[in-house]
């Protein structure tokens, strides 16, 4: 008799992009691993809509509703047994959060949970472990649109979790708003990120790690640039050189590295200045990229819940 399977869906309403993963999981066996059937991603840049009083503007709300309308149609076709939807830093910060949630939930047709930074870090670590073999001590870095999560763990256990108030979209708007890339605004961005990560240095160093894994868009962009340039590995030195090349190109719209996609150009410098600061403060020389992230962590938790 074939094993019974159930369909699951996980939605990550990130500050830069919204992601929908649809999967199925067998109802037999231990530690069920969802099998992803389809995934959908759309740039929403919710954090781009945060104004001076932390209210998300109408343009960003409209982008969010357009995306969730498409997701609702996909879910109607898919007919999942369970759906888990979370929102992250942009909605955590939004002064008009209550109004936004009502509109977004009405559009999607499912409840949306605004998770804490620590909970986001837990999901990210679980997602990374679901995609990579985390058997020993690892350090996971995820640079989102409005926050950056840094997690030190051992195997599947996350031990040191912090969510920092810095992200590629927020930093791009704060330090590179006019599109100009100069030594001064790059240095200001690195200093700001350094100030945020430095208080946690001892906790991470005491835990230690054997591998450093990067999750989400900034890291994928770096992987694609490195592959196009035949760069043998991702290192702090190479990242520093890349930032200097950005400065020499001078304008965001002029960034034309081989492998750099158009949809990443607008937030690249914001993301890599954050990353360089984290690597320097934690004395990380080289790092890898993983395909797992928050949405895979959501799926893993949902699978555990329905098969428990």
C-alpha atoms as a PDB file:
ATOM      1  CA  UNK A   1       0.000   0.000   0.000  1.00  0.00           C
ATOM      2  CA  UNK A   2       1.575   3.343  -1.005  1.00  0.00           C
ATOM      3  CA  UNK A   3       2.507   5.769   1.769  1.00  0.00           C
ATOM      4  CA  UNK A   4       0.003   8.552   2.350  1.00  0.00           C
ATOM      5  CA  UNK A   5       1.281  11.986   1.367  1.00  0.00           C
ATOM      6  CA  UNK A   6       0.132  15.465   2.254  1.00  0.00           C
ATOM      7  CA  UNK A   7       0.694  18.755   0.488  1.00  0.00           C
ATOM      8  CA  UNK A   8       2.262  21.655   2.386  1.00  0.00           C
ATOM      9  CA  UNK A   9       2.958  25.280   1.544  1.00  0.00           C
ATOM     10  CA  UNK A  10       5.307  27.775   3.197  1.00  0.00           C
ATOM     11  CA  UNK A  11       5.407  31.501   2.487  1.00  0.00           C
ATOM     12  CA  UNK A  12       8.274  33.745   3.551  1.00  0.00           C
ATOM     13  CA  UNK A  13       7.260  37.408   3.310  1.00  0.00           C
ATOM     14  CA  UNK A  14      10.793  38.743   3.445  1.00  0.00           C
ATOM     15  CA  UNK A  15      11.745  42.402   3.465  1.00  0.00           C
ATOM     16  CA  UNK A  16      13.173  42.111  -0.057  1.00  0.00           C
ATOM     17  CA  UNK A  17      11.361  39.197  -1.738  1.00  0.00           C
ATOM     18  CA  UNK A  18       8.305  37.043  -1.047  1.00  0.00           C
ATOM     19  CA  UNK A  19       8.779  33.282  -1.549  1.00  0.00           C
ATOM     20  CA  UNK A  20       6.230  30.493  -1.851  1.00  0.00           C
ATOM     21  CA  UNK A  21       7.326  26.870  -1.556  1.00  0.00           C
ATOM     22  CA  UNK A  22       4.884  24.041  -2.240  1.00  0.00           C
ATOM     23  CA  UNK A  23       5.830  20.527  -1.223  1.00  0.00           C
ATOM     24  CA  UNK A  24       4.544  17.123  -0.237  1.00  0.00           C
ATOM     25  CA  UNK A  25       5.563  14.979   2.696  1.00  0.00           C
ATOM     26  CA  UNK A  26       5.112  11.280   3.364  1.00  0.00           C
ATOM     27  CA  UNK A  27       3.122  10.493   6.488  1.00  0.00           C
ATOM     28  CA  UNK A  28       5.370   7.545   7.363  1.00  0.00           C
ATOM     29  CA  UNK A  29       8.881   7.312   8.780  1.00  0.00           C
ATOM     30  CA  UNK A  30      10.939   9.423  11.161  1.00  0.00           C
ATOM     31  CA  UNK A  31      12.162  12.978  10.464  1.00  0.00           C
ATOM     32  CA  UNK A  32      10.009  13.559   7.380  1.00  0.00           C
ATOM     33  CA  UNK A  33      11.728  15.574   4.680  1.00  0.00           C
ATOM     34  CA  UNK A  34       9.379  17.573   2.450  1.00  0.00           C
ATOM     35  CA  UNK A  35       9.827  17.134  -1.298  1.00  0.00           C
ATOM     36  CA  UNK A  36       9.541  20.518  -2.967  1.00  0.00           C
ATOM     37  CA  UNK A  37       7.203  20.429  -5.962  1.00  0.00           C
ATOM     38  CA  UNK A  38       7.305  24.071  -7.022  1.00  0.00           C
ATOM     39  CA  UNK A  39       8.510  27.445  -5.825  1.00  0.00           C
ATOM     40  CA  UNK A  40       7.666  31.002  -6.662  1.00  0.00           C
ATOM     41  CA  UNK A  41       9.588  34.175  -5.885  1.00  0.00           C
ATOM     42  CA  UNK A  42       8.799  37.816  -6.484  1.00  0.00           C
ATOM     43  CA  UNK A  43      10.720  40.988  -5.679  1.00  0.00           C
ATOM     44  CA  UNK A  44       8.500  43.101  -3.446  1.00  0.00           C
ATOM     45  CA  UNK A  45      11.094  45.191  -1.572  1.00  0.00           C
ATOM     46  CA  UNK A  46       8.750  45.853   1.327  1.00  0.00           C
ATOM     47  CA  UNK A  47      11.632  47.467   3.244  1.00  0.00           C
ATOM     48  CA  UNK A  48      12.049  49.926   0.385  1.00  0.00           C
ATOM     49  CA  UNK A  49       8.694  51.376   1.395  1.00  0.00           C
ATOM     50  CA  UNK A  50       9.671  52.188   4.993  1.00  0.00           C
ATOM     51  CA  UNK A  51       9.537  55.977   5.344  1.00  0.00           C
ATOM     52  CA  UNK A  52      10.820  58.347   8.033  1.00  0.00           C
ATOM     53  CA  UNK A  53       8.209  57.235  10.614  1.00  0.00           C
ATOM     54  CA  UNK A  54       8.586  53.509   9.798  1.00  0.00           C
ATOM     55  CA  UNK A  55       5.287  53.393   7.944  1.00  0.00           C
ATOM     56  CA  UNK A  56       5.332  51.249   4.789  1.00  0.00           C
ATOM     57  CA  UNK A  57       4.180  53.344   1.831  1.00  0.00           C
ATOM     58  CA  UNK A  58       1.359  52.664  -0.627  1.00  0.00           C
ATOM     59  CA  UNK A  59       3.661  51.616  -3.478  1.00  0.00           C
ATOM     60  CA  UNK A  60       5.258  48.846  -1.399  1.00  0.00           C
ATOM     61  CA  UNK A  61       1.855  47.763  -0.084  1.00  0.00           C
ATOM     62  CA  UNK A  62       0.575  47.533  -3.657  1.00  0.00           C
ATOM     63  CA  UNK A  63       3.566  45.375  -4.663  1.00  0.00           C
ATOM     64  CA  UNK A  64       2.878  43.109  -1.692  1.00  0.00           C
ATOM     65  CA  UNK A  65      -0.804  42.738  -2.548  1.00  0.00           C
ATOM     66  CA  UNK A  66      -0.026  42.004  -6.206  1.00  0.00           C
ATOM     67  CA  UNK A  67       2.381  39.254  -5.154  1.00  0.00           C
ATOM     68  CA  UNK A  68       0.033  37.723  -2.579  1.00  0.00           C
ATOM     69  CA  UNK A  69      -2.786  37.739  -5.134  1.00  0.00           C
ATOM     70  CA  UNK A  70      -0.634  35.526  -7.362  1.00  0.00           C
ATOM     71  CA  UNK A  71       0.308  33.314  -4.408  1.00  0.00           C
ATOM     72  CA  UNK A  72      -3.383  32.933  -3.464  1.00  0.00           C
ATOM     73  CA  UNK A  73      -4.144  31.710  -6.989  1.00  0.00           C
ATOM     74  CA  UNK A  74      -1.293  29.178  -6.804  1.00  0.00           C
ATOM     75  CA  UNK A  75      -2.519  27.910  -3.444  1.00  0.00           C
ATOM     76  CA  UNK A  76      -6.078  27.553  -4.739  1.00  0.00           C
ATOM     77  CA  UNK A  77      -4.786  25.318  -7.531  1.00  0.00           C
ATOM     78  CA  UNK A  78      -2.457  23.394  -5.230  1.00  0.00           C
ATOM     79  CA  UNK A  79      -4.975  22.756  -2.408  1.00  0.00           C
ATOM     80  CA  UNK A  80      -2.447  22.242   0.421  1.00  0.00           C
ATOM     81  CA  UNK A  81      -3.305  20.396   3.637  1.00  0.00           C
ATOM     82  CA  UNK A  82      -1.456  23.060   5.688  1.00  0.00           C
ATOM     83  CA  UNK A  83      -0.033  26.519   5.025  1.00  0.00           C
ATOM     84  CA  UNK A  84       2.490  28.442   7.134  1.00  0.00           C
ATOM     85  CA  UNK A  85       3.088  32.139   6.361  1.00  0.00           C
ATOM     86  CA  UNK A  86       5.483  34.419   8.204  1.00  0.00           C
ATOM     87  CA  UNK A  87       6.543  38.031   7.826  1.00  0.00           C
ATOM     88  CA  UNK A  88       9.921  39.317   8.943  1.00  0.00           C
ATOM     89  CA  UNK A  89      11.823  42.530   9.677  1.00  0.00           C
ATOM     90  CA  UNK A  90       9.971  45.031   7.465  1.00  0.00           C
ATOM     91  CA  UNK A  91       6.628  44.166   9.058  1.00  0.00           C
ATOM     92  CA  UNK A  92       8.232  43.927  12.506  1.00  0.00           C
ATOM     93  CA  UNK A  93       9.324  47.533  12.090  1.00  0.00           C
ATOM     94  CA  UNK A  94       6.203  48.862  10.355  1.00  0.00           C
ATOM     95  CA  UNK A  95       4.190  51.355  12.398  1.00  0.00           C
ATOM     96  CA  UNK A  96       1.170  50.502  10.211  1.00  0.00           C
ATOM     97  CA  UNK A  97       1.623  46.756  10.793  1.00  0.00           C
ATOM     98  CA  UNK A  98      -1.957  46.114  11.963  1.00  0.00           C
ATOM     99  CA  UNK A  99      -3.491  47.673   8.856  1.00  0.00           C
ATOM    100  CA  UNK A 100      -1.046  45.875   6.554  1.00  0.00           C
ATOM    101  CA  UNK A 101      -1.673  42.470   8.107  1.00  0.00           C
ATOM    102  CA  UNK A 102      -5.429  42.856   7.665  1.00  0.00           C
ATOM    103  CA  UNK A 103      -5.015  43.705   3.978  1.00  0.00           C
ATOM    104  CA  UNK A 104      -2.391  41.052   3.303  1.00  0.00           C
ATOM    105  CA  UNK A 105      -4.332  38.295   5.095  1.00  0.00           C
ATOM    106  CA  UNK A 106      -7.510  39.227   3.236  1.00  0.00           C
ATOM    107  CA  UNK A 107      -5.639  38.969  -0.071  1.00  0.00           C
ATOM    108  CA  UNK A 108      -3.856  35.711   0.701  1.00  0.00           C
ATOM    109  CA  UNK A 109      -6.737  33.997   2.474  1.00  0.00           C
ATOM    110  CA  UNK A 110      -4.515  32.620   5.267  1.00  0.00           C
ATOM    111  CA  UNK A 111      -3.207  33.996   8.581  1.00  0.00           C
ATOM    112  CA  UNK A 112       0.209  35.670   8.615  1.00  0.00           C
ATOM    113  CA  UNK A 113       2.501  35.526  11.642  1.00  0.00           C
ATOM    114  CA  UNK A 114       4.986  38.347  12.219  1.00  0.00           C
ATOM    115  CA  UNK A 115       7.893  36.489  13.792  1.00  0.00           C
ATOM    116  CA  UNK A 116      10.567  37.834  16.132  1.00  0.00           C
ATOM    117  CA  UNK A 117      14.148  38.212  14.979  1.00  0.00           C
ATOM    118  CA  UNK A 118      15.211  35.263  17.138  1.00  0.00           C
ATOM    119  CA  UNK A 119      12.467  33.068  15.685  1.00  0.00           C
ATOM    120  CA  UNK A 120      13.528  34.117  12.194  1.00  0.00           C
ATOM    121  CA  UNK A 121      17.103  33.094  13.019  1.00  0.00           C
ATOM    122  CA  UNK A 122      15.860  29.682  14.232  1.00  0.00           C
ATOM    123  CA  UNK A 123      13.929  29.076  11.013  1.00  0.00           C
ATOM    124  CA  UNK A 124      16.908  30.156   8.901  1.00  0.00           C
ATOM    125  CA  UNK A 125      19.214  27.765  10.731  1.00  0.00           C
ATOM    126  CA  UNK A 126      16.711  24.916  10.343  1.00  0.00           C
ATOM    127  CA  UNK A 127      16.422  25.712   6.627  1.00  0.00           C
ATOM    128  CA  UNK A 128      20.180  25.706   6.172  1.00  0.00           C
ATOM    129  CA  UNK A 129      20.431  22.367   7.985  1.00  0.00           C
ATOM    130  CA  UNK A 130      17.737  20.927   5.725  1.00  0.00           C
ATOM    131  CA  UNK A 131      19.772  21.864   2.638  1.00  0.00           C
ATOM    132  CA  UNK A 132      23.351  21.393   3.874  1.00  0.00           C
ATOM    133  CA  UNK A 133      24.961  18.695   5.940  1.00  0.00           C
ATOM    134  CA  UNK A 134      25.402  20.448   9.295  1.00  0.00           C
ATOM    135  CA  UNK A 135      27.143  17.729  11.287  1.00  0.00           C
ATOM    136  CA  UNK A 136      29.645  19.918  13.130  1.00  0.00           C
ATOM    137  CA  UNK A 137      29.903  23.501  14.320  1.00  0.00           C
ATOM    138  CA  UNK A 138      28.775  26.018  11.714  1.00  0.00           C
ATOM    139  CA  UNK A 139      28.236  29.757  11.493  1.00  0.00           C
ATOM    140  CA  UNK A 140      25.245  30.823   9.369  1.00  0.00           C
ATOM    141  CA  UNK A 141      24.829  34.365   8.026  1.00  0.00           C
ATOM    142  CA  UNK A 142      21.631  35.502   6.304  1.00  0.00           C
ATOM    143  CA  UNK A 143      21.453  39.064   4.955  1.00  0.00           C
ATOM    144  CA  UNK A 144      17.840  40.005   4.345  1.00  0.00           C
ATOM    145  CA  UNK A 145      16.265  43.221   3.166  1.00  0.00           C
ATOM    146  CA  UNK A 146      15.850  44.782   6.625  1.00  0.00           C
ATOM    147  CA  UNK A 147      17.679  42.474   9.034  1.00  0.00           C
ATOM    148  CA  UNK A 148      20.695  40.191   9.184  1.00  0.00           C
ATOM    149  CA  UNK A 149      20.636  36.945  11.142  1.00  0.00           C
ATOM    150  CA  UNK A 150      23.861  35.420  12.448  1.00  0.00           C
ATOM    151  CA  UNK A 151      23.587  31.967  14.031  1.00  0.00           C
ATOM    152  CA  UNK A 152      26.232  29.667  15.490  1.00  0.00           C
ATOM    153  CA  UNK A 153      25.164  26.066  15.904  1.00  0.00           C
ATOM    154  CA  UNK A 154      26.344  22.523  16.251  1.00  0.00           C
ATOM    155  CA  UNK A 155      24.683  19.983  13.981  1.00  0.00           C
ATOM    156  CA  UNK A 156      20.970  20.736  13.931  1.00  0.00           C
ATOM    157  CA  UNK A 157      21.082  22.684  17.209  1.00  0.00           C
ATOM    158  CA  UNK A 158      21.229  26.493  16.977  1.00  0.00           C
ATOM    159  CA  UNK A 159      23.082  27.853  19.994  1.00  0.00           C
ATOM    160  CA  UNK A 160      23.879  31.547  19.461  1.00  0.00           C
ATOM    161  CA  UNK A 161      21.138  33.447  17.622  1.00  0.00           C
ATOM    162  CA  UNK A 162      20.985  37.151  16.867  1.00  0.00           C
ATOM    163  CA  UNK A 163      18.913  39.238  14.480  1.00  0.00           C
ATOM    164  CA  UNK A 164      20.580  42.573  13.716  1.00  0.00           C
ATOM    165  CA  UNK A 165      18.860  45.731  12.536  1.00  0.00           C
ATOM    166  CA  UNK A 166      20.631  45.933   9.171  1.00  0.00           C
ATOM    167  CA  UNK A 167      19.695  44.640   5.733  1.00  0.00           C
ATOM    168  CA  UNK A 168      20.615  45.109   2.085  1.00  0.00           C
ATOM    169  CA  UNK A 169      17.567  47.241   1.196  1.00  0.00           C
ATOM    170  CA  UNK A 170      17.727  49.385   4.349  1.00  0.00           C
ATOM    171  CA  UNK A 171      21.482  49.978   3.995  1.00  0.00           C
ATOM    172  CA  UNK A 172      21.160  50.695   0.284  1.00  0.00           C
ATOM    173  CA  UNK A 173      18.579  53.384   1.044  1.00  0.00           C
ATOM    174  CA  UNK A 174      20.471  54.783   4.018  1.00  0.00           C
ATOM    175  CA  UNK A 175      23.965  54.998   2.564  1.00  0.00           C
ATOM    176  CA  UNK A 176      23.570  54.787  -1.227  1.00  0.00           C
ATOM    177  CA  UNK A 177      20.182  56.417  -1.769  1.00  0.00           C
ATOM    178  CA  UNK A 178      21.254  58.548  -4.724  1.00  0.00           C
ATOM    179  CA  UNK A 179      23.040  55.634  -6.382  1.00  0.00           C
ATOM    180  CA  UNK A 180      26.490  57.089  -5.754  1.00  0.00           C
ATOM    181  CA  UNK A 181      29.186  54.710  -4.463  1.00  0.00           C
ATOM    182  CA  UNK A 182      32.092  56.517  -2.805  1.00  0.00           C
ATOM    183  CA  UNK A 183      34.841  55.564  -0.334  1.00  0.00           C
ATOM    184  CA  UNK A 184      33.074  57.667   2.299  1.00  0.00           C
ATOM    185  CA  UNK A 185      29.602  56.156   2.085  1.00  0.00           C
ATOM    186  CA  UNK A 186      31.036  52.640   1.817  1.00  0.00           C
ATOM    187  CA  UNK A 187      33.052  53.270   4.971  1.00  0.00           C
ATOM    188  CA  UNK A 188      30.008  54.682   6.783  1.00  0.00           C
ATOM    189  CA  UNK A 189      27.994  51.562   5.887  1.00  0.00           C
ATOM    190  CA  UNK A 190      30.781  49.230   7.071  1.00  0.00           C
ATOM    191  CA  UNK A 191      31.159  51.190  10.322  1.00  0.00           C
ATOM    192  CA  UNK A 192      27.409  51.038  10.997  1.00  0.00           C
ATOM    193  CA  UNK A 193      27.322  47.273  10.461  1.00  0.00           C
ATOM    194  CA  UNK A 194      30.471  46.836  12.564  1.00  0.00           C
ATOM    195  CA  UNK A 195      28.841  48.674  15.454  1.00  0.00           C
ATOM    196  CA  UNK A 196      25.844  46.327  15.371  1.00  0.00           C
ATOM    197  CA  UNK A 197      27.733  43.015  15.231  1.00  0.00           C
ATOM    198  CA  UNK A 198      30.628  43.864  17.595  1.00  0.00           C
ATOM    199  CA  UNK A 199      28.735  43.382  20.929  1.00  0.00           C
ATOM    200  CA  UNK A 200      28.178  39.699  20.056  1.00  0.00           C
ATOM    201  CA  UNK A 201      31.735  38.874  18.994  1.00  0.00           C
ATOM    202  CA  UNK A 202      32.727  37.001  22.156  1.00  0.00           C
ATOM    203  CA  UNK A 203      29.619  34.776  22.082  1.00  0.00           C
ATOM    204  CA  UNK A 204      30.370  33.630  18.541  1.00  0.00           C
ATOM    205  CA  UNK A 205      34.096  33.200  19.103  1.00  0.00           C
ATOM    206  CA  UNK A 206      33.536  31.140  22.247  1.00  0.00           C
ATOM    207  CA  UNK A 207      31.140  28.860  20.374  1.00  0.00           C
ATOM    208  CA  UNK A 208      33.463  28.478  17.379  1.00  0.00           C
ATOM    209  CA  UNK A 209      32.784  26.989  13.952  1.00  0.00           C
ATOM    210  CA  UNK A 210      34.345  24.830  11.260  1.00  0.00           C
ATOM    211  CA  UNK A 211      32.355  26.206   8.311  1.00  0.00           C
ATOM    212  CA  UNK A 212      30.700  29.516   7.492  1.00  0.00           C
ATOM    213  CA  UNK A 213      27.526  29.267   5.390  1.00  0.00           C
ATOM    214  CA  UNK A 214      25.787  32.212   3.730  1.00  0.00           C
ATOM    215  CA  UNK A 215      22.068  32.131   2.917  1.00  0.00           C
ATOM    216  CA  UNK A 216      19.800  34.243   0.688  1.00  0.00           C
ATOM    217  CA  UNK A 217      20.196  36.793  -2.089  1.00  0.00           C
ATOM    218  CA  UNK A 218      23.427  38.628  -1.351  1.00  0.00           C
ATOM    219  CA  UNK A 219      25.300  35.335  -1.118  1.00  0.00           C
ATOM    220  CA  UNK A 220      23.725  33.928  -4.260  1.00  0.00           C
ATOM    221  CA  UNK A 221      24.714  37.098  -6.132  1.00  0.00           C
ATOM    222  CA  UNK A 222      28.306  36.702  -4.941  1.00  0.00           C
ATOM    223  CA  UNK A 223      28.337  33.058  -6.007  1.00  0.00           C
ATOM    224  CA  UNK A 224      27.147  33.985  -9.502  1.00  0.00           C
ATOM    225  CA  UNK A 225      29.738  36.764  -9.856  1.00  0.00           C
ATOM    226  CA  UNK A 226      32.520  34.487  -8.580  1.00  0.00           C
ATOM    227  CA  UNK A 227      31.510  31.701 -10.970  1.00  0.00           C
ATOM    228  CA  UNK A 228      31.414  34.084 -13.949  1.00  0.00           C
ATOM    229  CA  UNK A 229      34.846  35.430 -13.029  1.00  0.00           C
ATOM    230  CA  UNK A 230      36.214  31.933 -12.349  1.00  0.00           C
ATOM    231  CA  UNK A 231      37.019  32.918  -8.787  1.00  0.00           C
ATOM    232  CA  UNK A 232      38.060  29.662  -7.027  1.00  0.00           C
ATOM    233  CA  UNK A 233      36.553  30.513  -3.645  1.00  0.00           C
ATOM    234  CA  UNK A 234      34.611  33.093  -1.679  1.00  0.00           C
ATOM    235  CA  UNK A 235      36.985  34.958   0.618  1.00  0.00           C
ATOM    236  CA  UNK A 236      37.097  38.138   2.654  1.00  0.00           C
ATOM    237  CA  UNK A 237      39.962  39.423   0.491  1.00  0.00           C
ATOM    238  CA  UNK A 238      38.016  38.880  -2.734  1.00  0.00           C
ATOM    239  CA  UNK A 239      34.957  40.594  -1.220  1.00  0.00           C
ATOM    240  CA  UNK A 240      37.106  43.598  -0.229  1.00  0.00           C
ATOM    241  CA  UNK A 241      38.425  43.817  -3.790  1.00  0.00           C
ATOM    242  CA  UNK A 242      34.870  43.600  -5.174  1.00  0.00           C
ATOM    243  CA  UNK A 243      33.812  46.527  -2.998  1.00  0.00           C
ATOM    244  CA  UNK A 244      36.769  48.562  -4.287  1.00  0.00           C
ATOM    245  CA  UNK A 245      35.676  47.765  -7.838  1.00  0.00           C
ATOM    246  CA  UNK A 246      32.175  49.004  -6.961  1.00  0.00           C
ATOM    247  CA  UNK A 247      33.704  52.266  -5.752  1.00  0.00           C
ATOM    248  CA  UNK A 248      35.659  52.626  -8.979  1.00  0.00           C
ATOM    249  CA  UNK A 249      32.491  52.109 -11.022  1.00  0.00           C
ATOM    250  CA  UNK A 250      30.998  54.903  -8.935  1.00  0.00           C
ATOM    251  CA  UNK A 251      27.265  54.447  -9.536  1.00  0.00           C
ATOM    252  CA  UNK A 252      24.834  51.630  -8.736  1.00  0.00           C
ATOM    253  CA  UNK A 253      23.453  51.695 -12.282  1.00  0.00           C
ATOM    254  CA  UNK A 254      26.979  51.253 -13.705  1.00  0.00           C
ATOM    255  CA  UNK A 255      27.711  48.033 -11.813  1.00  0.00           C
ATOM    256  CA  UNK A 256      28.321  45.534 -14.595  1.00  0.00           C
ATOM    257  CA  UNK A 257      30.176  42.565 -13.136  1.00  0.00           C
ATOM    258  CA  UNK A 258      29.879  39.359 -15.095  1.00  0.00           C
ATOM    259  CA  UNK A 259      27.241  37.190 -13.450  1.00  0.00           C
ATOM    260  CA  UNK A 260      25.452  40.077 -11.707  1.00  0.00           C
ATOM    261  CA  UNK A 261      21.717  39.894 -12.381  1.00  0.00           C
ATOM    262  CA  UNK A 262      19.732  43.065 -12.936  1.00  0.00           C
ATOM    263  CA  UNK A 263      17.457  42.340  -9.990  1.00  0.00           C
ATOM    264  CA  UNK A 264      20.418  42.250  -7.570  1.00  0.00           C
ATOM    265  CA  UNK A 265      22.262  45.326  -8.838  1.00  0.00           C
ATOM    266  CA  UNK A 266      20.045  47.749  -6.899  1.00  0.00           C
ATOM    267  CA  UNK A 267      20.888  46.277  -3.463  1.00  0.00           C
ATOM    268  CA  UNK A 268      24.298  44.672  -4.013  1.00  0.00           C
ATOM    269  CA  UNK A 269      26.438  47.296  -2.274  1.00  0.00           C
ATOM    270  CA  UNK A 270      24.133  47.495   0.726  1.00  0.00           C
ATOM    271  CA  UNK A 271      24.443  43.740   1.205  1.00  0.00           C
ATOM    272  CA  UNK A 272      28.175  43.309   0.657  1.00  0.00           C
ATOM    273  CA  UNK A 273      29.163  46.171   2.976  1.00  0.00           C
ATOM    274  CA  UNK A 274      27.194  44.429   5.744  1.00  0.00           C
ATOM    275  CA  UNK A 275      28.856  41.125   4.910  1.00  0.00           C
ATOM    276  CA  UNK A 276      32.373  42.565   4.905  1.00  0.00           C
ATOM    277  CA  UNK A 277      31.794  44.076   8.346  1.00  0.00           C
ATOM    278  CA  UNK A 278      30.559  40.742   9.758  1.00  0.00           C
ATOM    279  CA  UNK A 279      33.486  38.827   8.226  1.00  0.00           C
ATOM    280  CA  UNK A 280      36.022  41.309   9.611  1.00  0.00           C
ATOM    281  CA  UNK A 281      34.564  41.486  13.115  1.00  0.00           C
ATOM    282  CA  UNK A 282      34.309  37.689  13.401  1.00  0.00           C
ATOM    283  CA  UNK A 283      37.690  37.095  11.670  1.00  0.00           C
ATOM    284  CA  UNK A 284      36.195  34.952   8.895  1.00  0.00           C
ATOM    285  CA  UNK A 285      38.562  34.420   5.968  1.00  0.00           C
ATOM    286  CA  UNK A 286      36.377  32.329   3.668  1.00  0.00           C
ATOM    287  CA  UNK A 287      32.765  31.242   3.397  1.00  0.00           C
ATOM    288  CA  UNK A 288      30.406  29.021   1.416  1.00  0.00           C
ATOM    289  CA  UNK A 289      26.867  29.497   0.122  1.00  0.00           C
ATOM    290  CA  UNK A 290      23.892  27.289   0.930  1.00  0.00           C
ATOM    291  CA  UNK A 291      20.561  26.978  -0.840  1.00  0.00           C
ATOM    292  CA  UNK A 292      18.592  26.628   2.395  1.00  0.00           C
ATOM    293  CA  UNK A 293      16.949  29.603   4.088  1.00  0.00           C
ATOM    294  CA  UNK A 294      13.944  30.621   6.180  1.00  0.00           C
ATOM    295  CA  UNK A 295      11.289  29.126   3.885  1.00  0.00           C
ATOM    296  CA  UNK A 296      12.909  25.677   3.964  1.00  0.00           C
ATOM    297  CA  UNK A 297      12.951  25.950   7.759  1.00  0.00           C
ATOM    298  CA  UNK A 298       9.231  26.744   7.722  1.00  0.00           C
ATOM    299  CA  UNK A 299       8.530  23.678   5.598  1.00  0.00           C
ATOM    300  CA  UNK A 300      10.608  21.455   7.859  1.00  0.00           C
ATOM    301  CA  UNK A 301       8.707  22.631  10.945  1.00  0.00           C
ATOM    302  CA  UNK A 302       5.345  22.232   9.234  1.00  0.00           C
ATOM    303  CA  UNK A 303       6.263  18.689   8.165  1.00  0.00           C
ATOM    304  CA  UNK A 304       7.228  17.818  11.743  1.00  0.00           C
ATOM    305  CA  UNK A 305       3.979  19.246  13.094  1.00  0.00           C
ATOM    306  CA  UNK A 306       1.615  17.319  10.807  1.00  0.00           C
ATOM    307  CA  UNK A 307       3.486  14.020  11.077  1.00  0.00           C
ATOM    308  CA  UNK A 308       4.043  14.130  14.853  1.00  0.00           C
END
